[in-house]
């Protein structure tokens, strides 16, 4: 893990605001499906995402915006199209933070 990746992991793992932003981004089934589509390849053109979901293009664009703002997805232009890809460091940092919580001792009921 690079120093930059470690900084992202530290920020996500210790900042409740970042954790909440990511949790909100993951709270919609369409956004989960977008992450699944992106996980199947290194990068994905917008048209491939749009054709992979039974939603209006504007709705998918909004979901992609939420995922980008949470830092889970990045994008860059290729010609006239946008290309999207996952940000695995951000996802790993979030799951590491959840693992920490999941490993906490349980209450005796």
N, C-alpha and C. Protein backbone atom coordinates (compact mmCIF):
# COMPACT_ATOMS: atom_id res chain seq x y z
N UNK A 1 0.85 -1.17 0.00
CA UNK A 1 0.00 0.00 0.00
C UNK A 1 0.89 1.23 0.00
N UNK A 2 0.62 2.17 -0.91
CA UNK A 2 1.42 3.39 -0.99
C UNK A 2 1.07 4.33 0.14
N UNK A 3 1.88 5.37 0.31
CA UNK A 3 1.61 6.35 1.35
C UNK A 3 0.26 7.03 1.10
N UNK A 4 -0.05 7.31 -0.16
CA UNK A 4 -1.34 7.92 -0.51
C UNK A 4 -2.49 6.98 -0.16
N UNK A 5 -2.34 5.69 -0.48
CA UNK A 5 -3.38 4.71 -0.15
C UNK A 5 -3.58 4.63 1.36
N UNK A 6 -2.48 4.65 2.10
CA UNK A 6 -2.55 4.58 3.56
C UNK A 6 -3.27 5.80 4.12
N UNK A 7 -3.01 6.98 3.52
CA UNK A 7 -3.67 8.20 3.97
C UNK A 7 -5.18 8.10 3.75
N UNK A 8 -5.57 7.56 2.60
CA UNK A 8 -7.00 7.37 2.32
C UNK A 8 -7.59 6.41 3.34
N UNK A 9 -6.90 5.30 3.59
CA UNK A 9 -7.40 4.31 4.53
C UNK A 9 -7.53 4.89 5.93
N UNK A 10 -6.54 5.66 6.35
CA UNK A 10 -6.59 6.28 7.68
C UNK A 10 -7.74 7.26 7.78
N UNK A 11 -7.96 8.05 6.74
CA UNK A 11 -9.04 9.03 6.75
C UNK A 11 -10.39 8.34 6.82
N UNK A 12 -10.60 7.35 5.97
CA UNK A 12 -11.88 6.64 5.95
C UNK A 12 -12.11 5.92 7.26
N UNK A 13 -11.07 5.25 7.74
CA UNK A 13 -11.21 4.43 8.94
C UNK A 13 -11.42 5.21 10.22
N UNK A 14 -11.01 6.47 10.26
CA UNK A 14 -11.11 7.22 11.50
C UNK A 14 -12.12 8.37 11.45
N UNK A 15 -12.60 8.70 10.30
CA UNK A 15 -13.50 9.84 10.16
C UNK A 15 -14.94 9.37 9.96
N UNK A 16 -15.79 9.57 10.97
CA UNK A 16 -17.18 9.12 10.84
C UNK A 16 -17.92 9.74 9.66
N UNK A 17 -17.57 10.99 9.29
CA UNK A 17 -18.22 11.63 8.14
C UNK A 17 -17.91 10.88 6.84
N UNK A 18 -16.65 10.49 6.65
CA UNK A 18 -16.29 9.72 5.45
C UNK A 18 -16.99 8.36 5.46
N UNK A 19 -17.01 7.72 6.61
CA UNK A 19 -17.69 6.42 6.71
C UNK A 19 -19.16 6.57 6.35
N UNK A 20 -19.82 7.60 6.87
CA UNK A 20 -21.24 7.81 6.60
C UNK A 20 -21.48 8.10 5.12
N UNK A 21 -20.60 8.90 4.50
CA UNK A 21 -20.76 9.22 3.08
C UNK A 21 -20.68 7.95 2.24
N UNK A 22 -19.74 7.09 2.57
CA UNK A 22 -19.61 5.84 1.83
C UNK A 22 -20.82 4.94 2.08
N UNK A 23 -21.24 4.84 3.34
CA UNK A 23 -22.40 4.01 3.66
C UNK A 23 -23.65 4.50 2.91
N UNK A 24 -23.83 5.82 2.83
CA UNK A 24 -24.97 6.36 2.08
C UNK A 24 -24.85 6.01 0.60
N UNK A 25 -23.64 6.09 0.07
CA UNK A 25 -23.43 5.77 -1.35
C UNK A 25 -23.75 4.30 -1.63
N UNK A 26 -23.52 3.44 -0.66
CA UNK A 26 -23.77 2.01 -0.84
C UNK A 26 -25.21 1.61 -0.51
N UNK A 27 -26.04 2.58 -0.14
CA UNK A 27 -27.37 2.25 0.35
C UNK A 27 -28.43 2.07 -0.74
N UNK A 28 -28.04 2.12 -1.99
CA UNK A 28 -29.03 1.96 -3.06
C UNK A 28 -28.65 0.77 -3.94
N UNK A 29 -29.61 -0.10 -4.25
CA UNK A 29 -29.30 -1.28 -5.08
C UNK A 29 -28.68 -0.95 -6.44
N UNK A 30 -29.10 0.14 -7.06
CA UNK A 30 -28.53 0.50 -8.37
C UNK A 30 -27.05 0.85 -8.23
N UNK A 31 -26.67 1.50 -7.14
CA UNK A 31 -25.26 1.84 -6.95
C UNK A 31 -24.43 0.59 -6.67
N UNK A 32 -25.01 -0.36 -5.96
CA UNK A 32 -24.32 -1.64 -5.75
C UNK A 32 -24.12 -2.33 -7.10
N UNK A 33 -25.14 -2.32 -7.94
CA UNK A 33 -25.03 -2.94 -9.27
C UNK A 33 -23.97 -2.24 -10.12
N UNK A 34 -23.89 -0.93 -10.04
CA UNK A 34 -22.86 -0.19 -10.77
C UNK A 34 -21.48 -0.64 -10.30
N UNK A 35 -21.28 -0.78 -9.00
CA UNK A 35 -19.99 -1.25 -8.48
C UNK A 35 -19.69 -2.65 -8.99
N UNK A 36 -20.71 -3.50 -9.05
CA UNK A 36 -20.51 -4.85 -9.58
C UNK A 36 -20.09 -4.81 -11.04
N UNK A 37 -20.75 -3.97 -11.84
CA UNK A 37 -20.38 -3.83 -13.25
C UNK A 37 -18.94 -3.36 -13.40
N UNK A 38 -18.56 -2.38 -12.60
CA UNK A 38 -17.20 -1.85 -12.68
C UNK A 38 -16.17 -2.85 -12.18
N UNK A 39 -16.55 -3.70 -11.23
CA UNK A 39 -15.62 -4.70 -10.70
C UNK A 39 -15.31 -5.79 -11.72
N UNK A 40 -16.16 -5.92 -12.72
CA UNK A 40 -15.96 -6.95 -13.73
C UNK A 40 -14.89 -6.59 -14.76
N UNK A 41 -14.41 -5.34 -14.74
CA UNK A 41 -13.40 -4.92 -15.70
C UNK A 41 -12.58 -3.77 -15.12
N UNK A 42 -11.46 -3.47 -15.76
CA UNK A 42 -10.57 -2.41 -15.27
C UNK A 42 -11.22 -1.04 -15.32
N UNK A 43 -11.90 -0.78 -16.41
CA UNK A 43 -12.63 0.48 -16.56
C UNK A 43 -13.82 0.23 -17.47
N UNK A 44 -14.77 1.12 -17.38
CA UNK A 44 -16.03 0.90 -18.07
C UNK A 44 -16.51 2.22 -18.66
N UNK A 45 -16.82 2.23 -19.94
CA UNK A 45 -17.37 3.43 -20.56
C UNK A 45 -18.79 3.65 -20.05
N UNK A 46 -19.18 4.90 -19.99
CA UNK A 46 -20.51 5.24 -19.51
C UNK A 46 -21.60 4.48 -20.24
N UNK A 47 -21.46 4.32 -21.54
CA UNK A 47 -22.48 3.61 -22.32
C UNK A 47 -22.64 2.17 -21.85
N UNK A 48 -21.55 1.54 -21.41
CA UNK A 48 -21.62 0.17 -20.90
C UNK A 48 -22.37 0.13 -19.57
N UNK A 49 -22.16 1.13 -18.75
CA UNK A 49 -22.90 1.21 -17.48
C UNK A 49 -24.37 1.45 -17.78
N UNK A 50 -24.65 2.38 -18.69
CA UNK A 50 -26.03 2.71 -19.01
C UNK A 50 -26.77 1.51 -19.59
N UNK A 51 -26.09 0.70 -20.39
CA UNK A 51 -26.75 -0.46 -20.99
C UNK A 51 -26.87 -1.61 -19.99
N UNK A 52 -26.12 -1.56 -18.91
CA UNK A 52 -26.15 -2.64 -17.92
C UNK A 52 -27.22 -2.51 -16.87
N UNK A 53 -27.96 -1.41 -16.90
CA UNK A 53 -29.00 -1.17 -15.90
C UNK A 53 -30.29 -0.73 -16.57
N UNK A 54 -31.42 -1.18 -16.05
CA UNK A 54 -32.71 -0.81 -16.64
C UNK A 54 -33.24 0.52 -16.09
N UNK A 55 -32.37 1.55 -16.12
CA UNK A 55 -32.73 2.86 -15.59
C UNK A 55 -32.45 3.92 -16.63
N UNK A 56 -33.06 5.08 -16.47
CA UNK A 56 -32.79 6.20 -17.36
C UNK A 56 -31.34 6.64 -17.21
N UNK A 57 -30.76 7.13 -18.29
CA UNK A 57 -29.38 7.58 -18.28
C UNK A 57 -29.16 8.66 -17.22
N UNK A 58 -30.11 9.56 -17.07
CA UNK A 58 -29.96 10.62 -16.09
C UNK A 58 -29.94 10.07 -14.66
N UNK A 59 -30.71 9.01 -14.41
CA UNK A 59 -30.73 8.38 -13.10
C UNK A 59 -29.39 7.70 -12.82
N UNK A 60 -28.87 7.00 -13.80
CA UNK A 60 -27.57 6.33 -13.64
C UNK A 60 -26.48 7.37 -13.44
N UNK A 61 -26.54 8.47 -14.17
CA UNK A 61 -25.55 9.54 -14.02
C UNK A 61 -25.57 10.08 -12.59
N UNK A 62 -26.75 10.22 -12.02
CA UNK A 62 -26.87 10.69 -10.64
C UNK A 62 -26.25 9.67 -9.67
N UNK A 63 -26.50 8.39 -9.90
CA UNK A 63 -25.90 7.36 -9.05
C UNK A 63 -24.37 7.38 -9.17
N UNK A 64 -23.87 7.56 -10.38
CA UNK A 64 -22.41 7.65 -10.57
C UNK A 64 -21.84 8.87 -9.85
N UNK A 65 -22.58 9.98 -9.86
CA UNK A 65 -22.13 11.18 -9.16
C UNK A 65 -21.98 10.90 -7.66
N UNK A 66 -22.97 10.23 -7.09
CA UNK A 66 -22.92 9.90 -5.66
C UNK A 66 -21.71 9.01 -5.36
N UNK A 67 -21.48 8.01 -6.21
CA UNK A 67 -20.34 7.11 -6.01
C UNK A 67 -19.01 7.84 -6.16
N UNK A 68 -18.94 8.78 -7.11
CA UNK A 68 -17.71 9.58 -7.28
C UNK A 68 -17.48 10.47 -6.07
N UNK A 69 -18.52 11.13 -5.60
CA UNK A 69 -18.38 12.02 -4.45
C UNK A 69 -17.96 11.27 -3.19
N UNK A 70 -18.37 10.00 -3.08
CA UNK A 70 -17.96 9.18 -1.94
C UNK A 70 -16.54 8.66 -2.11
N UNK A 71 -15.99 8.83 -3.31
CA UNK A 71 -14.62 8.37 -3.57
C UNK A 71 -14.52 6.91 -3.95
N UNK A 72 -15.65 6.27 -4.22
CA UNK A 72 -15.64 4.85 -4.57
C UNK A 72 -15.39 4.61 -6.05
N UNK A 73 -15.67 5.61 -6.87
CA UNK A 73 -15.52 5.52 -8.32
C UNK A 73 -14.80 6.76 -8.80
N UNK A 74 -13.93 6.57 -9.78
CA UNK A 74 -13.30 7.72 -10.43
C UNK A 74 -13.71 7.72 -11.90
N UNK A 75 -13.53 8.85 -12.55
CA UNK A 75 -13.90 8.95 -13.96
C UNK A 75 -12.92 9.84 -14.68
N UNK A 76 -12.81 9.60 -15.97
CA UNK A 76 -11.98 10.46 -16.82
C UNK A 76 -12.51 10.36 -18.26
N UNK A 77 -12.37 11.46 -19.00
CA UNK A 77 -12.86 11.44 -20.39
C UNK A 77 -11.92 10.66 -21.30
N UNK A 78 -12.51 9.92 -22.22
CA UNK A 78 -11.78 9.25 -23.30
C UNK A 78 -12.52 9.62 -24.57
N UNK A 79 -11.94 10.53 -25.33
CA UNK A 79 -12.64 11.07 -26.50
C UNK A 79 -13.86 11.84 -26.03
N UNK A 80 -15.02 11.47 -26.56
CA UNK A 80 -16.25 12.15 -26.16
C UNK A 80 -17.01 11.40 -25.07
N UNK A 81 -16.47 10.27 -24.63
CA UNK A 81 -17.14 9.46 -23.61
C UNK A 81 -16.44 9.58 -22.26
N UNK A 82 -17.16 9.26 -21.22
CA UNK A 82 -16.57 9.18 -19.88
C UNK A 82 -16.30 7.72 -19.58
N UNK A 83 -15.18 7.49 -18.92
CA UNK A 83 -14.81 6.15 -18.49
C UNK A 83 -14.78 6.13 -16.97
N UNK A 84 -15.31 5.07 -16.38
CA UNK A 84 -15.42 4.95 -14.92
C UNK A 84 -14.63 3.74 -14.45
N UNK A 85 -14.09 3.84 -13.25
CA UNK A 85 -13.42 2.69 -12.64
C UNK A 85 -13.53 2.80 -11.12
N UNK A 86 -13.35 1.66 -10.47
CA UNK A 86 -13.40 1.60 -9.02
C UNK A 86 -12.16 2.23 -8.41
N UNK A 87 -12.27 2.67 -7.18
CA UNK A 87 -11.13 3.14 -6.39
C UNK A 87 -10.96 2.12 -5.27
N UNK A 88 -10.19 1.05 -5.54
CA UNK A 88 -10.13 -0.07 -4.59
C UNK A 88 -9.58 0.32 -3.22
N UNK A 89 -8.70 1.30 -3.16
CA UNK A 89 -8.14 1.70 -1.86
C UNK A 89 -9.24 2.22 -0.94
N UNK A 90 -10.15 2.98 -1.51
CA UNK A 90 -11.24 3.58 -0.74
C UNK A 90 -12.19 2.49 -0.25
N UNK A 91 -12.49 1.54 -1.12
CA UNK A 91 -13.37 0.43 -0.76
C UNK A 91 -12.72 -0.43 0.31
N UNK A 92 -11.43 -0.73 0.14
CA UNK A 92 -10.71 -1.53 1.12
C UNK A 92 -10.65 -0.84 2.48
N UNK A 93 -10.45 0.47 2.48
CA UNK A 93 -10.38 1.21 3.74
C UNK A 93 -11.72 1.14 4.47
N UNK A 94 -12.80 1.24 3.71
CA UNK A 94 -14.14 1.15 4.31
C UNK A 94 -14.37 -0.23 4.90
N UNK A 95 -14.03 -1.27 4.14
CA UNK A 95 -14.25 -2.63 4.65
C UNK A 95 -13.33 -2.91 5.84
N UNK A 96 -12.12 -2.37 5.83
CA UNK A 96 -11.23 -2.53 6.99
C UNK A 96 -11.85 -1.89 8.23
N UNK A 97 -12.44 -0.72 8.06
CA UNK A 97 -13.08 -0.04 9.19
C UNK A 97 -14.27 -0.85 9.68
N UNK A 98 -15.03 -1.45 8.77
CA UNK A 98 -16.16 -2.29 9.18
C UNK A 98 -15.67 -3.55 9.88
N UNK A 99 -14.55 -4.12 9.40
CA UNK A 99 -13.97 -5.29 10.06
C UNK A 99 -13.62 -4.98 11.50
N UNK A 100 -13.08 -3.79 11.73
CA UNK A 100 -12.73 -3.38 13.09
C UNK A 100 -13.96 -3.39 13.98
N UNK A 101 -15.07 -2.87 13.47
CA UNK A 101 -16.31 -2.85 14.24
C UNK A 101 -16.85 -4.27 14.42
N UNK A 102 -16.79 -5.06 13.35
CA UNK A 102 -17.32 -6.42 13.41
C UNK A 102 -16.53 -7.29 14.38
N UNK A 103 -15.25 -6.98 14.57
CA UNK A 103 -14.41 -7.75 15.49
C UNK A 103 -14.52 -7.31 16.94
N UNK A 104 -15.30 -6.27 17.20
CA UNK A 104 -15.48 -5.80 18.56
C UNK A 104 -16.19 -6.85 19.40
N UNK A 105 -15.89 -6.87 20.70
CA UNK A 105 -16.56 -7.87 21.57
C UNK A 105 -18.08 -7.63 21.60
N UNK A 106 -18.81 -8.71 21.59
CA UNK A 106 -20.28 -8.63 21.64
C UNK A 106 -20.75 -8.45 23.08
N UNK A 107 -21.91 -7.88 23.20
CA UNK A 107 -22.52 -7.72 24.53
C UNK A 107 -23.01 -9.07 25.01
N UNK A 108 -22.96 -9.27 26.32
CA UNK A 108 -23.55 -10.47 26.90
C UNK A 108 -25.02 -10.19 27.15
N UNK A 109 -25.89 -10.90 26.48
CA UNK A 109 -27.33 -10.65 26.62
C UNK A 109 -27.94 -11.63 27.59
